[in-house]
Amino acid sequence: MKKSILGIVFISFLVTGCSPIFYTPNTQNVPMISKKGDNKIVVAGNTNQVELQGAYGLSDAFAIQANAGLFIPRNLDNGDGGSGNFFEVGGGYFKSINEMFVFEAYGILGMGSMENHFKSSVEDNPGTNGDISASIYRIGVQPSFGYKSKYFEAAISTRVINLIYGNIEGDLIYKGNNQMDYLKDNKSNFLVEPAINLRGGFEKIKLQLQYGYSFNLTNSAFKQDNSYLTLGLSFKL
């Protein structure tokens, strides 16, 4: 199946098989800040994407975070492929329940862009280039609750967002359907994305594994990937 993974502040745009996919959720930034001056830097991704995340505790109750990513999966043999990029910032509240448990809630705002090229569609649609591109905007909230110790961390989080497409351009026709019209008809989507985050290792550096799922409550049939799995390294300065 052909995919285009697109990322915004959190989004991805990939291409892998037989039909366009206009959204893949990115790794959630779950830093588990517990005090003023606490910080976290994470490098994460998989074979199609790479992401950089950071967070810092401004006080004993408030923290900021920033996320960025590139999505550049390998083109298929027939030349089909896609790419994307995003940047996201957020700020919010955290509270240490005790020495081991932490609650966080961030407001997040991000933007990015994506492109997708289906050169295999040109032969059946003369006069087209098989391309589609768009800007992406995302706004929402992300609460989390987790366990934190010196050598191990585990958290559950849920990202609740409105995903918006703009500046939609191109001439991609897939199975007789104009994909620009499709994306314009579905340019606003409300998503709920729960995730599980695990970290283990040393005090200053830990291996991170995150699995997440995306529920599209606006259109359950929207052309998107529903799940993701990323691996990364988490650093504390």
Protein backbone atom coordinates (compact mmCIF):
# COMPACT_ATOMS: atom_id res chain seq x y z
CA MET A 1 0.00 0.00 0.00
CA LYS A 2 1.28 3.43 -0.88
CA LYS A 3 1.59 5.98 1.87
CA SER A 4 2.55 9.51 2.24
CA ILE A 5 3.45 10.39 5.75
CA LEU A 6 3.10 13.90 6.74
CA GLY A 7 4.25 15.54 9.82
CA ILE A 8 3.44 18.76 11.53
CA VAL A 9 4.47 19.62 14.87
CA PHE A 10 3.67 16.39 15.29
CA ILE A 11 2.51 15.11 11.91
CA SER A 12 3.94 12.89 9.19
CA PHE A 13 3.48 12.31 5.52
CA LEU A 14 4.74 9.05 4.03
CA VAL A 15 4.29 7.08 0.88
CA THR A 16 4.49 3.32 0.76
CA GLY A 17 2.13 1.54 -1.49
CA CYS A 18 -1.11 1.85 -3.42
CA SER A 19 -3.13 4.81 -2.17
CA PRO A 20 -2.47 8.27 -0.67
CA ILE A 21 -2.26 8.57 3.12
CA PHE A 22 -2.50 12.15 4.32
CA TYR A 23 -1.64 11.87 8.01
CA THR A 24 0.50 9.84 10.37
CA PRO A 25 0.80 10.84 14.05
CA ASN A 26 4.27 11.73 15.31
CA THR A 27 5.99 10.96 18.60
CA GLN A 28 4.43 12.75 21.56
CA ASN A 29 6.70 14.87 23.73
CA VAL A 30 6.15 13.47 27.26
CA PRO A 31 9.09 14.91 29.25
CA MET A 32 7.77 14.21 32.77
CA ILE A 33 9.09 17.49 34.18
CA SER A 34 8.86 17.38 37.99
CA LYS A 35 10.59 20.55 39.24
CA LYS A 36 12.04 23.90 38.22
CA GLY A 37 15.11 23.47 36.03
CA ASP A 38 14.22 19.91 35.11
CA ASN A 39 14.84 19.23 31.43
CA LYS A 40 14.63 16.58 28.74
CA ILE A 41 16.00 16.25 25.18
CA VAL A 42 14.81 13.37 23.00
CA VAL A 43 15.94 12.18 19.58
CA ALA A 44 13.41 9.69 18.20
CA GLY A 45 12.07 8.22 14.99
CA ASN A 46 11.86 5.17 12.76
CA THR A 47 12.88 4.24 9.21
CA ASN A 48 10.71 7.03 7.74
CA GLN A 49 11.19 9.95 10.12
CA VAL A 50 13.51 11.65 12.60
CA GLU A 51 12.36 13.94 15.42
CA LEU A 52 13.99 16.23 17.99
CA GLN A 53 12.17 17.21 21.19
CA GLY A 54 13.01 19.36 24.17
CA ALA A 55 11.35 20.50 27.41
CA TYR A 56 12.29 22.68 30.38
CA GLY A 57 10.72 23.47 33.75
CA LEU A 58 10.38 27.25 34.12
CA SER A 59 9.08 27.05 37.68
CA ASP A 60 7.79 24.46 40.12
CA ALA A 61 4.50 24.31 38.21
CA PHE A 62 5.02 25.45 34.59
CA ALA A 63 7.11 24.11 31.71
CA ILE A 64 7.66 24.68 28.01
CA GLN A 65 8.39 22.26 25.18
CA ALA A 66 9.36 22.32 21.50
CA ASN A 67 9.28 19.63 18.81
CA ALA A 68 10.56 19.37 15.24
CA GLY A 69 10.72 16.61 12.68
CA LEU A 70 11.55 15.56 9.13
CA PHE A 71 9.73 12.83 7.22
CA ILE A 72 11.67 11.50 4.22
CA PRO A 73 10.76 7.88 3.47
CA ARG A 74 12.52 6.19 0.57
CA ASN A 75 10.85 6.48 -2.84
CA LEU A 76 9.37 3.35 -4.35
CA ASP A 77 10.95 1.82 -7.44
CA ASN A 78 8.30 3.50 -9.61
CA GLY A 79 9.24 6.96 -8.30
CA ASP A 80 6.30 7.40 -5.93
CA GLY A 81 7.20 9.09 -2.66
CA GLY A 82 6.66 11.98 -0.30
CA SER A 83 8.18 14.14 2.40
CA GLY A 84 7.19 16.53 5.16
CA ASN A 85 8.41 18.70 8.03
CA PHE A 86 6.96 20.29 11.14
CA PHE A 87 7.68 22.51 14.12
CA GLU A 88 5.63 22.70 17.31
CA VAL A 89 5.75 24.61 20.58
CA GLY A 90 3.83 24.15 23.80
CA GLY A 91 3.49 25.29 27.37
CA GLY A 92 1.66 23.93 30.35
CA TYR A 93 1.29 22.83 33.93
CA PHE A 94 2.94 19.96 35.81
CA LYS A 95 2.59 18.59 39.32
CA SER A 96 4.57 15.98 41.20
CA ILE A 97 2.04 13.79 42.99
CA ASN A 98 4.89 12.40 45.07
CA GLU A 99 8.52 11.42 44.41
CA MET A 100 7.44 8.82 41.83
CA PHE A 101 4.33 10.07 40.00
CA VAL A 102 3.97 13.13 37.77
CA PHE A 103 1.01 14.78 36.02
CA GLU A 104 1.49 17.11 33.02
CA ALA A 105 -0.87 19.01 30.70
CA TYR A 106 0.40 21.04 27.74
CA GLY A 107 -1.25 23.27 25.20
CA ILE A 108 0.42 22.72 21.82
CA LEU A 109 0.52 24.65 18.55
CA GLY A 110 2.32 23.49 15.44
CA MET A 111 2.71 24.00 11.73
CA GLY A 112 4.45 22.33 8.84
CA SER A 113 4.18 21.24 5.24
CA MET A 114 3.93 18.09 3.18
CA GLU A 115 4.27 16.94 -0.39
CA ASN A 116 3.38 13.69 -2.09
CA HIS A 117 4.27 12.57 -5.60
CA PHE A 118 2.61 9.66 -7.38
CA LYS A 119 4.46 9.49 -10.68
CA SER A 120 2.76 6.16 -11.36
CA SER A 121 -0.55 8.03 -11.79
CA VAL A 122 0.64 10.21 -14.68
CA GLU A 123 0.28 7.57 -17.41
CA ASP A 124 -3.43 7.14 -16.68
CA ASN A 125 -3.94 10.91 -16.29
CA PRO A 126 -2.19 12.76 -19.15
CA GLY A 127 -1.46 16.41 -18.49
CA THR A 128 -0.93 15.89 -14.74
CA ASN A 129 2.28 15.68 -12.71
CA GLY A 130 0.92 13.41 -9.98
CA ASP A 131 1.76 15.86 -7.19
CA ILE A 132 -0.05 17.20 -4.13
CA SER A 133 1.20 19.55 -1.42
CA ALA A 134 -0.29 21.40 1.54
CA SER A 135 0.44 23.35 4.68
CA ILE A 136 -0.65 21.80 7.96
CA TYR A 137 -1.64 23.44 11.24
CA ARG A 138 -2.33 21.71 14.53
CA ILE A 139 -3.66 23.02 17.83
CA GLY A 140 -4.66 21.06 20.91
CA VAL A 141 -3.88 19.80 24.40
CA GLN A 142 -1.86 16.87 25.71
CA PRO A 143 -2.29 15.61 29.29
CA SER A 144 -0.15 12.77 30.66
CA PHE A 145 0.39 10.81 33.84
CA GLY A 146 3.47 8.76 34.59
CA TYR A 147 5.86 6.99 36.92
CA LYS A 148 9.39 8.37 37.22
CA SER A 149 12.46 6.86 38.89
CA LYS A 150 16.21 7.12 38.47
CA TYR A 151 16.49 4.34 35.90
CA PHE A 152 12.97 3.80 34.54
CA GLU A 153 10.01 5.92 33.42
CA ALA A 154 6.57 4.98 32.11
CA ALA A 155 3.72 7.28 31.11
CA ILE A 156 0.36 7.30 29.39
CA SER A 157 -0.66 10.39 27.43
CA THR A 158 -3.45 11.56 25.14
CA ARG A 159 -3.10 14.21 22.46
CA VAL A 160 -6.41 15.91 21.54
CA ILE A 161 -6.01 18.11 18.47
CA ASN A 162 -7.64 19.88 15.57
CA LEU A 163 -5.70 19.13 12.37
CA ILE A 164 -6.15 21.69 9.57
CA TYR A 165 -4.87 21.67 5.97
CA GLY A 166 -4.28 24.84 3.96
CA ASN A 167 -2.65 25.99 0.72
CA ILE A 168 -3.62 22.73 -0.98
CA GLU A 169 -2.08 22.55 -4.44
CA GLY A 170 -1.35 19.97 -7.14
CA ASP A 171 -3.01 17.80 -9.73
CA LEU A 172 -2.90 14.27 -8.28
CA ILE A 173 -5.65 12.01 -9.60
CA TYR A 174 -5.98 8.62 -7.90
CA LYS A 175 -8.43 6.02 -9.26
CA GLY A 176 -10.32 8.79 -11.06
CA ASN A 177 -10.66 10.94 -7.93
CA ASN A 178 -9.14 14.40 -7.56
CA GLN A 179 -7.10 14.23 -4.35
CA MET A 180 -6.96 18.02 -3.97
CA ASP A 181 -10.77 18.11 -3.83
CA TYR A 182 -10.69 15.23 -1.34
CA LEU A 183 -8.27 17.04 0.96
CA LYS A 184 -10.21 20.31 0.70
CA ASP A 185 -13.41 18.45 1.65
CA ASN A 186 -11.55 17.02 4.67
CA LYS A 187 -9.38 20.00 5.58
CA SER A 188 -10.36 20.02 9.28
CA ASN A 189 -10.16 16.90 11.47
CA PHE A 190 -10.63 16.36 15.20
CA LEU A 191 -8.26 13.67 16.51
CA VAL A 192 -7.78 11.84 19.82
CA GLU A 193 -4.40 10.12 20.09
CA PRO A 194 -3.53 8.00 23.17
CA ALA A 195 0.06 6.80 23.60
CA ILE A 196 2.26 4.68 25.87
CA ASN A 197 5.79 5.89 26.57
CA LEU A 198 8.57 3.77 28.16
CA ARG A 199 12.13 4.80 29.07
CA GLY A 200 14.89 2.81 30.70
CA GLY A 201 18.65 3.05 31.19
CA PHE A 202 20.90 5.34 33.16
CA GLU A 203 20.20 8.51 35.14
CA LYS A 204 21.25 10.90 32.35
CA ILE A 205 20.45 8.85 29.24
CA LYS A 206 17.67 6.37 28.58
CA LEU A 207 16.34 4.35 25.69
CA GLN A 208 12.80 5.42 24.75
CA LEU A 209 10.01 3.43 23.10
CA GLN A 210 6.61 4.94 22.26
CA TYR A 211 3.50 3.43 20.73
CA GLY A 212 0.48 5.55 19.83
CA TYR A 213 -2.86 5.33 18.06
CA SER A 214 -4.89 8.02 16.29
CA PHE A 215 -8.70 8.11 16.31
CA ASN A 216 -10.21 10.47 13.74
CA LEU A 217 -13.55 11.51 15.24
CA THR A 218 -14.46 13.75 12.30
CA ASN A 219 -14.08 11.13 9.57
CA SER A 220 -13.17 7.58 10.59
CA ALA A 221 -12.49 6.77 6.91
CA PHE A 222 -10.02 9.63 6.40
CA LYS A 223 -6.90 8.56 4.51
CA GLN A 224 -4.48 8.36 7.41
CA ASP A 225 -2.27 5.96 9.30
CA ASN A 226 -3.76 5.08 12.65
CA SER A 227 -0.76 3.85 14.63
CA TYR A 228 2.96 4.46 15.04
CA LEU A 229 5.96 3.04 16.87
CA THR A 230 9.16 5.05 17.41
CA LEU A 231 12.46 4.39 19.14
CA GLY A 232 14.74 7.04 20.57
CA LEU A 233 17.22 8.27 23.15
CA SER A 234 16.28 10.55 26.04
CA PHE A 235 18.88 12.86 27.58
CA LYS A 236 18.83 14.85 30.82
CA LEU A 237 21.34 17.72 30.97
